[in-house]
Amino acid sequence: MANVRDLKKDINYVLGDIIEAVYVWEYANTDKGTEQSEAIIDDAINTFDELIAKVNDKNAENKKAHYKAINQELETKGRALIERINALG
């Protein structure tokens, strides 16, 4: 089973890097609007809040499966956010 602390760090790093990538895009594309990029940031923050709440849920029956599902959800949602950043181009 993955360490809960490591899972929380992974969530923080992945979503933090996504938000940073959006800020870099905004800085490099000052001539374009920021409505879509700000929506990506909002979605990343909401995803962070949801995943941390799930990690902190102590009522899970099978903790190993619970944390594995959270890790998979992080990967899925992270890829979707990255694809949205790439589509900003």
PDB file of N, CA and C in Angstrom:
ATOM      1  N   MET A   1       0.845  -1.177   0.000  1.00  0.00           N
ATOM      2  CA  MET A   1       0.000   0.000   0.000  1.00  0.00           C
ATOM      3  C   MET A   1       0.889   1.239   0.000  1.00  0.00           C
ATOM      4  N   ALA A   2       0.511   2.197  -0.795  1.00  0.00           N
ATOM      5  CA  ALA A   2       1.249   3.453  -0.832  1.00  0.00           C
ATOM      6  C   ALA A   2       1.061   4.197   0.478  1.00  0.00           C
ATOM      7  N   ASN A   3       2.093   4.860   0.872  1.00  0.00           N
ATOM      8  CA  ASN A   3       2.035   5.660   2.075  1.00  0.00           C
ATOM      9  C   ASN A   3       1.055   6.813   1.843  1.00  0.00           C
ATOM     10  N   VAL A   4       0.193   7.071   2.814  1.00  0.00           N
ATOM     11  CA  VAL A   4      -0.802   8.129   2.678  1.00  0.00           C
ATOM     12  C   VAL A   4      -0.113   9.480   2.493  1.00  0.00           C
ATOM     13  N   ARG A   5       0.974   9.690   3.193  1.00  0.00           N
ATOM     14  CA  ARG A   5       1.718  10.942   3.076  1.00  0.00           C
ATOM     15  C   ARG A   5       2.241  11.112   1.647  1.00  0.00           C
ATOM     16  N   ASP A   6       2.757  10.026   1.055  1.00  0.00           N
ATOM     17  CA  ASP A   6       3.247  10.092  -0.320  1.00  0.00           C
ATOM     18  C   ASP A   6       2.118  10.359  -1.307  1.00  0.00           C
ATOM     19  N   LEU A   7       0.960   9.772  -1.050  1.00  0.00           N
ATOM     20  CA  LEU A   7      -0.195  10.002  -1.923  1.00  0.00           C
ATOM     21  C   LEU A   7      -0.608  11.470  -1.867  1.00  0.00           C
ATOM     22  N   LYS A   8      -0.628  12.043  -0.678  1.00  0.00           N
ATOM     23  CA  LYS A   8      -0.964  13.460  -0.543  1.00  0.00           C
ATOM     24  C   LYS A   8       0.069  14.332  -1.257  1.00  0.00           C
ATOM     25  N   LYS A   9       1.349  13.974  -1.145  1.00  0.00           N
ATOM     26  CA  LYS A   9       2.392  14.720  -1.840  1.00  0.00           C
ATOM     27  C   LYS A   9       2.216  14.622  -3.352  1.00  0.00           C
ATOM     28  N   ASP A  10       1.890  13.425  -3.833  1.00  0.00           N
ATOM     29  CA  ASP A  10       1.678  13.246  -5.272  1.00  0.00           C
ATOM     30  C   ASP A  10       0.538  14.123  -5.767  1.00  0.00           C
ATOM     31  N   ILE A  11      -0.550  14.147  -5.017  1.00  0.00           N
ATOM     32  CA  ILE A  11      -1.697  14.981  -5.390  1.00  0.00           C
ATOM     33  C   ILE A  11      -1.262  16.438  -5.444  1.00  0.00           C
ATOM     34  N   ASN A  12      -0.546  16.867  -4.435  1.00  0.00           N
ATOM     35  CA  ASN A  12      -0.091  18.260  -4.366  1.00  0.00           C
ATOM     36  C   ASN A  12       0.847  18.590  -5.523  1.00  0.00           C
ATOM     37  N   TYR A  13       1.826  17.734  -5.781  1.00  0.00           N
ATOM     38  CA  TYR A  13       2.804  18.002  -6.830  1.00  0.00           C
ATOM     39  C   TYR A  13       2.167  17.996  -8.216  1.00  0.00           C
ATOM     40  N   VAL A  14       1.355  17.005  -8.504  1.00  0.00           N
ATOM     41  CA  VAL A  14       0.760  16.894  -9.839  1.00  0.00           C
ATOM     42  C   VAL A  14      -0.134  18.093 -10.132  1.00  0.00           C
ATOM     43  N   LEU A  15      -1.031  18.387  -9.226  1.00  0.00           N
ATOM     44  CA  LEU A  15      -1.960  19.486  -9.479  1.00  0.00           C
ATOM     45  C   LEU A  15      -1.261  20.840  -9.377  1.00  0.00           C
ATOM     46  N   GLY A  16      -0.259  20.946  -8.530  1.00  0.00           N
ATOM     47  CA  GLY A  16       0.529  22.176  -8.467  1.00  0.00           C
ATOM     48  C   GLY A  16       1.288  22.420  -9.762  1.00  0.00           C
ATOM     49  N   ASP A  17       1.845  21.364 -10.335  1.00  0.00           N
ATOM     50  CA  ASP A  17       2.550  21.493 -11.614  1.00  0.00           C
ATOM     51  C   ASP A  17       1.596  21.883 -12.734  1.00  0.00           C
ATOM     52  N   ILE A  18       0.381  21.362 -12.689  1.00  0.00           N
ATOM     53  CA  ILE A  18      -0.614  21.715 -13.712  1.00  0.00           C
ATOM     54  C   ILE A  18      -0.962  23.196 -13.612  1.00  0.00           C
ATOM     55  N   ILE A  19      -1.178  23.673 -12.390  1.00  0.00           N
ATOM     56  CA  ILE A  19      -1.493  25.089 -12.195  1.00  0.00           C
ATOM     57  C   ILE A  19      -0.316  25.954 -12.649  1.00  0.00           C
ATOM     58  N   GLU A  20       0.891  25.527 -12.330  1.00  0.00           N
ATOM     59  CA  GLU A  20       2.075  26.271 -12.762  1.00  0.00           C
ATOM     60  C   GLU A  20       2.166  26.314 -14.290  1.00  0.00           C
ATOM     61  N   ALA A  21       1.843  25.209 -14.944  1.00  0.00           N
ATOM     62  CA  ALA A  21       1.872  25.168 -16.409  1.00  0.00           C
ATOM     63  C   ALA A  21       0.861  26.150 -16.993  1.00  0.00           C
ATOM     64  N   VAL A  22      -0.286  26.285 -16.354  1.00  0.00           N
ATOM     65  CA  VAL A  22      -1.281  27.253 -16.833  1.00  0.00           C
ATOM     66  C   VAL A  22      -0.747  28.678 -16.686  1.00  0.00           C
ATOM     67  N   TYR A  23      -0.112  28.963 -15.558  1.00  0.00           N
ATOM     68  CA  TYR A  23       0.460  30.301 -15.368  1.00  0.00           C
ATOM     69  C   TYR A  23       1.551  30.593 -16.390  1.00  0.00           C
ATOM     70  N   VAL A  24       2.361  29.602 -16.713  1.00  0.00           N
ATOM     71  CA  VAL A  24       3.391  29.777 -17.736  1.00  0.00           C
ATOM     72  C   VAL A  24       2.740  30.057 -19.083  1.00  0.00           C
ATOM     73  N   TRP A  25       1.672  29.326 -19.400  1.00  0.00           N
ATOM     74  CA  TRP A  25       0.965  29.557 -20.668  1.00  0.00           C
ATOM     75  C   TRP A  25       0.403  30.974 -20.704  1.00  0.00           C
ATOM     76  N   GLU A  26      -0.215  31.401 -19.586  1.00  0.00           N
ATOM     77  CA  GLU A  26      -0.778  32.748 -19.548  1.00  0.00           C
ATOM     78  C   GLU A  26       0.312  33.802 -19.733  1.00  0.00           C
ATOM     79  N   TYR A  27       1.464  33.584 -19.117  1.00  0.00           N
ATOM     80  CA  TYR A  27       2.572  34.538 -19.233  1.00  0.00           C
ATOM     81  C   TYR A  27       3.101  34.598 -20.667  1.00  0.00           C
ATOM     82  N   ALA A  28       3.151  33.454 -21.329  1.00  0.00           N
ATOM     83  CA  ALA A  28       3.657  33.390 -22.694  1.00  0.00           C
ATOM     84  C   ALA A  28       2.638  33.860 -23.722  1.00  0.00           C
ATOM     85  N   ASN A  29       1.374  33.888 -23.353  1.00  0.00           N
ATOM     86  CA  ASN A  29       0.305  34.249 -24.284  1.00  0.00           C
ATOM     87  C   ASN A  29      -0.522  35.401 -23.724  1.00  0.00           C
ATOM     88  N   THR A  30       0.119  36.499 -23.457  1.00  0.00           N
ATOM     89  CA  THR A  30      -0.582  37.632 -22.853  1.00  0.00           C
ATOM     90  C   THR A  30      -1.616  38.254 -23.786  1.00  0.00           C
ATOM     91  N   ASP A  31      -1.523  37.954 -25.071  1.00  0.00           N
ATOM     92  CA  ASP A  31      -2.461  38.512 -26.032  1.00  0.00           C
ATOM     93  C   ASP A  31      -3.777  37.732 -26.098  1.00  0.00           C
ATOM     94  N   LYS A  32      -3.837  36.594 -25.431  1.00  0.00           N
ATOM     95  CA  LYS A  32      -5.045  35.761 -25.473  1.00  0.00           C
ATOM     96  C   LYS A  32      -5.805  35.891 -24.161  1.00  0.00           C
ATOM     97  N   GLY A  33      -7.094  35.612 -24.210  1.00  0.00           N
ATOM     98  CA  GLY A  33      -7.935  35.686 -23.013  1.00  0.00           C
ATOM     99  C   GLY A  33      -7.589  34.591 -22.014  1.00  0.00           C
ATOM    100  N   THR A  34      -7.971  34.820 -20.774  1.00  0.00           N
ATOM    101  CA  THR A  34      -7.626  33.865 -19.716  1.00  0.00           C
ATOM    102  C   THR A  34      -8.832  33.126 -19.163  1.00  0.00           C
ATOM    103  N   GLU A  35      -9.986  33.239 -19.805  1.00  0.00           N
ATOM    104  CA  GLU A  35     -11.180  32.586 -19.275  1.00  0.00           C
ATOM    105  C   GLU A  35     -11.000  31.070 -19.202  1.00  0.00           C
ATOM    106  N   GLN A  36     -10.505  30.474 -20.297  1.00  0.00           N
ATOM    107  CA  GLN A  36     -10.331  29.022 -20.325  1.00  0.00           C
ATOM    108  C   GLN A  36      -9.224  28.574 -19.386  1.00  0.00           C
ATOM    109  N   SER A  37      -8.129  29.328 -19.336  1.00  0.00           N
ATOM    110  CA  SER A  37      -7.023  28.929 -18.468  1.00  0.00           C
ATOM    111  C   SER A  37      -7.412  29.071 -16.997  1.00  0.00           C
ATOM    112  N   GLU A  38      -8.159  30.091 -16.661  1.00  0.00           N
ATOM    113  CA  GLU A  38      -8.618  30.243 -15.273  1.00  0.00           C
ATOM    114  C   GLU A  38      -9.576  29.112 -14.890  1.00  0.00           C
ATOM    115  N   ALA A  39     -10.368  28.643 -15.847  1.00  0.00           N
ATOM    116  CA  ALA A  39     -11.268  27.518 -15.584  1.00  0.00           C
ATOM    117  C   ALA A  39     -10.467  26.248 -15.291  1.00  0.00           C
ATOM    118  N   ILE A  40      -9.340  26.074 -15.973  1.00  0.00           N
ATOM    119  CA  ILE A  40      -8.480  24.911 -15.715  1.00  0.00           C
ATOM    120  C   ILE A  40      -7.915  24.993 -14.304  1.00  0.00           C
ATOM    121  N   ILE A  41      -7.487  26.173 -13.894  1.00  0.00           N
ATOM    122  CA  ILE A  41      -6.967  26.350 -12.537  1.00  0.00           C
ATOM    123  C   ILE A  41      -8.050  26.042 -11.509  1.00  0.00           C
ATOM    124  N   ASP A  42      -9.254  26.550 -11.735  1.00  0.00           N
ATOM    125  CA  ASP A  42     -10.363  26.283 -10.810  1.00  0.00           C
ATOM    126  C   ASP A  42     -10.651  24.789 -10.718  1.00  0.00           C
ATOM    127  N   ASP A  43     -10.638  24.108 -11.867  1.00  0.00           N
ATOM    128  CA  ASP A  43     -10.882  22.668 -11.875  1.00  0.00           C
ATOM    129  C   ASP A  43      -9.768  21.906 -11.155  1.00  0.00           C
ATOM    130  N   ALA A  44      -8.524  22.361 -11.308  1.00  0.00           N
ATOM    131  CA  ALA A  44      -7.411  21.715 -10.610  1.00  0.00           C
ATOM    132  C   ALA A  44      -7.547  21.877  -9.104  1.00  0.00           C
ATOM    133  N   ILE A  45      -7.955  23.053  -8.660  1.00  0.00           N
ATOM    134  CA  ILE A  45      -8.148  23.288  -7.223  1.00  0.00           C
ATOM    135  C   ILE A  45      -9.293  22.437  -6.693  1.00  0.00           C
ATOM    136  N   ASN A  46     -10.378  22.359  -7.449  1.00  0.00           N
ATOM    137  CA  ASN A  46     -11.504  21.521  -7.026  1.00  0.00           C
ATOM    138  C   ASN A  46     -11.108  20.052  -6.972  1.00  0.00           C
ATOM    139  N   THR A  47     -10.334  19.597  -7.957  1.00  0.00           N
ATOM    140  CA  THR A  47      -9.852  18.221  -7.967  1.00  0.00           C
ATOM    141  C   THR A  47      -8.980  17.952  -6.754  1.00  0.00           C
ATOM    142  N   PHE A  48      -8.096  18.896  -6.428  1.00  0.00           N
ATOM    143  CA  PHE A  48      -7.248  18.773  -5.247  1.00  0.00           C
ATOM    144  C   PHE A  48      -8.100  18.601  -3.997  1.00  0.00           C
ATOM    145  N   ASP A  49      -9.090  19.465  -3.833  1.00  0.00           N
ATOM    146  CA  ASP A  49      -9.951  19.400  -2.650  1.00  0.00           C
ATOM    147  C   ASP A  49     -10.687  18.065  -2.562  1.00  0.00           C
ATOM    148  N   GLU A  50     -11.206  17.597  -3.695  1.00  0.00           N
ATOM    149  CA  GLU A  50     -11.943  16.328  -3.725  1.00  0.00           C
ATOM    150  C   GLU A  50     -11.034  15.151  -3.359  1.00  0.00           C
ATOM    151  N   LEU A  51      -9.849  15.103  -3.951  1.00  0.00           N
ATOM    152  CA  LEU A  51      -8.953  13.978  -3.716  1.00  0.00           C
ATOM    153  C   LEU A  51      -8.418  13.966  -2.283  1.00  0.00           C
ATOM    154  N   ILE A  52      -8.085  15.127  -1.740  1.00  0.00           N
ATOM    155  CA  ILE A  52      -7.609  15.179  -0.355  1.00  0.00           C
ATOM    156  C   ILE A  52      -8.727  14.764   0.597  1.00  0.00           C
ATOM    157  N   ALA A  53      -9.954  15.149   0.307  1.00  0.00           N
ATOM    158  CA  ALA A  53     -11.083  14.726   1.140  1.00  0.00           C
ATOM    159  C   ALA A  53     -11.243  13.209   1.099  1.00  0.00           C
ATOM    160  N   LYS A  54     -11.037  12.621  -0.068  1.00  0.00           N
ATOM    161  CA  LYS A  54     -11.134  11.167  -0.189  1.00  0.00           C
ATOM    162  C   LYS A  54      -9.993  10.481   0.557  1.00  0.00           C
ATOM    163  N   VAL A  55      -8.798  11.041   0.499  1.00  0.00           N
ATOM    164  CA  VAL A  55      -7.663  10.457   1.222  1.00  0.00           C
ATOM    165  C   VAL A  55      -7.921  10.506   2.722  1.00  0.00           C
ATOM    166  N   ASN A  56      -8.501  11.592   3.184  1.00  0.00           N
ATOM    167  CA  ASN A  56      -8.750  11.765   4.617  1.00  0.00           C
ATOM    168  C   ASN A  56      -9.969  11.008   5.117  1.00  0.00           C
ATOM    169  N   ASP A  57     -10.736  10.391   4.218  1.00  0.00           N
ATOM    170  CA  ASP A  57     -11.909   9.611   4.611  1.00  0.00           C
ATOM    171  C   ASP A  57     -11.449   8.338   5.315  1.00  0.00           C
ATOM    172  N   LYS A  58     -11.741   8.233   6.582  1.00  0.00           N
ATOM    173  CA  LYS A  58     -11.283   7.086   7.379  1.00  0.00           C
ATOM    174  C   LYS A  58     -12.286   5.934   7.394  1.00  0.00           C
ATOM    175  N   ASN A  59     -13.400   6.079   6.682  1.00  0.00           N
ATOM    176  CA  ASN A  59     -14.441   5.050   6.700  1.00  0.00           C
ATOM    177  C   ASN A  59     -14.331   4.041   5.561  1.00  0.00           C
ATOM    178  N   ALA A  60     -13.231   4.028   4.854  1.00  0.00           N
ATOM    179  CA  ALA A  60     -13.078   3.113   3.723  1.00  0.00           C
ATOM    180  C   ALA A  60     -12.943   1.679   4.226  1.00  0.00           C
ATOM    181  N   GLU A  61     -13.638   0.772   3.579  1.00  0.00           N
ATOM    182  CA  GLU A  61     -13.598  -0.639   3.972  1.00  0.00           C
ATOM    183  C   GLU A  61     -12.223  -1.240   3.674  1.00  0.00           C
ATOM    184  N   ASN A  62     -11.830  -1.191   2.414  1.00  0.00           N
ATOM    185  CA  ASN A  62     -10.556  -1.741   1.980  1.00  0.00           C
ATOM    186  C   ASN A  62      -9.628  -0.568   1.662  1.00  0.00           C
ATOM    187  N   LYS A  63      -8.768  -0.234   2.583  1.00  0.00           N
ATOM    188  CA  LYS A  63      -7.942   0.964   2.440  1.00  0.00           C
ATOM    189  C   LYS A  63      -7.007   0.882   1.235  1.00  0.00           C
ATOM    190  N   LYS A  64      -6.440  -0.287   0.992  1.00  0.00           N
ATOM    191  CA  LYS A  64      -5.517  -0.428  -0.132  1.00  0.00           C
ATOM    192  C   LYS A  64      -6.227  -0.136  -1.453  1.00  0.00           C
ATOM    193  N   ALA A  65      -7.400  -0.692  -1.643  1.00  0.00           N
ATOM    194  CA  ALA A  65      -8.168  -0.455  -2.867  1.00  0.00           C
ATOM    195  C   ALA A  65      -8.629   0.997  -2.935  1.00  0.00           C
ATOM    196  N   HIS A  66      -8.975   1.551  -1.793  1.00  0.00           N
ATOM    197  CA  HIS A  66      -9.431   2.949  -1.723  1.00  0.00           C
ATOM    198  C   HIS A  66      -8.327   3.897  -2.192  1.00  0.00           C
ATOM    199  N   TYR A  67      -7.114   3.722  -1.671  1.00  0.00           N
ATOM    200  CA  TYR A  67      -6.001   4.590  -2.044  1.00  0.00           C
ATOM    201  C   TYR A  67      -5.566   4.355  -3.489  1.00  0.00           C
ATOM    202  N   LYS A  68      -5.659   3.123  -3.941  1.00  0.00           N
ATOM    203  CA  LYS A  68      -5.314   2.828  -5.332  1.00  0.00           C
ATOM    204  C   LYS A  68      -6.301   3.516  -6.276  1.00  0.00           C
ATOM    205  N   ALA A  69      -7.568   3.527  -5.906  1.00  0.00           N
ATOM    206  CA  ALA A  69      -8.585   4.194  -6.715  1.00  0.00           C
ATOM    207  C   ALA A  69      -8.346   5.708  -6.745  1.00  0.00           C
ATOM    208  N   ILE A  70      -7.924   6.273  -5.624  1.00  0.00           N
ATOM    209  CA  ILE A  70      -7.625   7.705  -5.573  1.00  0.00           C
ATOM    210  C   ILE A  70      -6.438   8.014  -6.481  1.00  0.00           C
ATOM    211  N   ASN A  71      -5.420   7.182  -6.438  1.00  0.00           N
ATOM    212  CA  ASN A  71      -4.248   7.379  -7.290  1.00  0.00           C
ATOM    213  C   ASN A  71      -4.635   7.301  -8.766  1.00  0.00           C
ATOM    214  N   GLN A  72      -5.498   6.369  -9.106  1.00  0.00           N
ATOM    215  CA  GLN A  72      -5.961   6.237 -10.492  1.00  0.00           C
ATOM    216  C   GLN A  72      -6.783   7.456 -10.903  1.00  0.00           C
ATOM    217  N   GLU A  73      -7.614   7.937  -9.996  1.00  0.00           N
ATOM    218  CA  GLU A  73      -8.418   9.126 -10.289  1.00  0.00           C
ATOM    219  C   GLU A  73      -7.524  10.353 -10.498  1.00  0.00           C
ATOM    220  N   LEU A  74      -6.459  10.463  -9.693  1.00  0.00           N
ATOM    221  CA  LEU A  74      -5.498  11.552  -9.865  1.00  0.00           C
ATOM    222  C   LEU A  74      -4.881  11.493 -11.255  1.00  0.00           C
ATOM    223  N   GLU A  75      -4.487  10.310 -11.675  1.00  0.00           N
ATOM    224  CA  GLU A  75      -3.875  10.152 -12.988  1.00  0.00           C
ATOM    225  C   GLU A  75      -4.855  10.518 -14.099  1.00  0.00           C
ATOM    226  N   THR A  76      -6.081  10.056 -13.996  1.00  0.00           N
ATOM    227  CA  THR A  76      -7.089  10.319 -15.022  1.00  0.00           C
ATOM    228  C   THR A  76      -7.417  11.802 -15.114  1.00  0.00           C
ATOM    229  N   LYS A  77      -7.704  12.408 -13.962  1.00  0.00           N
ATOM    230  CA  LYS A  77      -8.071  13.824 -13.969  1.00  0.00           C
ATOM    231  C   LYS A  77      -6.872  14.704 -14.328  1.00  0.00           C
ATOM    232  N   GLY A  78      -5.686  14.306 -13.904  1.00  0.00           N
ATOM    233  CA  GLY A  78      -4.488  15.058 -14.249  1.00  0.00           C
ATOM    234  C   GLY A  78      -4.251  15.065 -15.750  1.00  0.00           C
ATOM    235  N   ARG A  79      -4.400  13.907 -16.379  1.00  0.00           N
ATOM    236  CA  ARG A  79      -4.223  13.832 -17.837  1.00  0.00           C
ATOM    237  C   ARG A  79      -5.257  14.691 -18.554  1.00  0.00           C
ATOM    238  N   ALA A  80      -6.498  14.681 -18.061  1.00  0.00           N
ATOM    239  CA  ALA A  80      -7.549  15.482 -18.685  1.00  0.00           C
ATOM    240  C   ALA A  80      -7.224  16.974 -18.591  1.00  0.00           C
ATOM    241  N   LEU A  81      -6.710  17.403 -17.448  1.00  0.00           N
ATOM    242  CA  LEU A  81      -6.333  18.807 -17.297  1.00  0.00           C
ATOM    243  C   LEU A  81      -5.163  19.172 -18.196  1.00  0.00           C
ATOM    244  N   ILE A  82      -4.203  18.276 -18.314  1.00  0.00           N
ATOM    245  CA  ILE A  82      -3.053  18.519 -19.196  1.00  0.00           C
ATOM    246  C   ILE A  82      -3.505  18.627 -20.653  1.00  0.00           C
ATOM    247  N   GLU A  83      -4.434  17.778 -21.045  1.00  0.00           N
ATOM    248  CA  GLU A  83      -4.956  17.841 -22.411  1.00  0.00           C
ATOM    249  C   GLU A  83      -5.649  19.188 -22.658  1.00  0.00           C
ATOM    250  N   ARG A  84      -6.345  19.686 -21.631  1.00  0.00           N
ATOM    251  CA  ARG A  84      -7.008  20.995 -21.772  1.00  0.00           C
ATOM    252  C   ARG A  84      -5.970  22.116 -21.911  1.00  0.00           C
ATOM    253  N   ILE A  85      -4.854  21.990 -21.183  1.00  0.00           N
ATOM    254  CA  ILE A  85      -3.787  22.997 -21.307  1.00  0.00           C
ATOM    255  C   ILE A  85      -3.209  22.948 -22.714  1.00  0.00           C
ATOM    256  N   ASN A  86      -2.963  21.752 -23.223  1.00  0.00           N
ATOM    257  CA  ASN A  86      -2.411  21.608 -24.565  1.00  0.00           C
ATOM    258  C   ASN A  86      -3.355  22.141 -25.626  1.00  0.00           C
ATOM    259  N   ALA A  87      -4.653  22.077 -25.378  1.00  0.00           N
ATOM    260  CA  ALA A  87      -5.639  22.564 -26.338  1.00  0.00           C
ATOM    261  C   ALA A  87      -5.738  24.084 -26.343  1.00  0.00           C
ATOM    262  N   LEU A  88      -5.192  24.734 -25.316  1.00  0.00           N
ATOM    263  CA  LEU A  88      -5.245  26.202 -25.272  1.00  0.00           C
ATOM    264  C   LEU A  88      -4.478  26.823 -26.427  1.00  0.00           C
ATOM    265  N   GLY A  89      -3.352  26.197 -26.771  1.00  0.00           N
ATOM    266  CA  GLY A  89      -2.437  26.635 -27.815  1.00  0.00           C
ATOM    267  C   GLY A  89      -2.931  27.683 -28.683  1.00  0.00           C
TER     268      GLY A  89
END
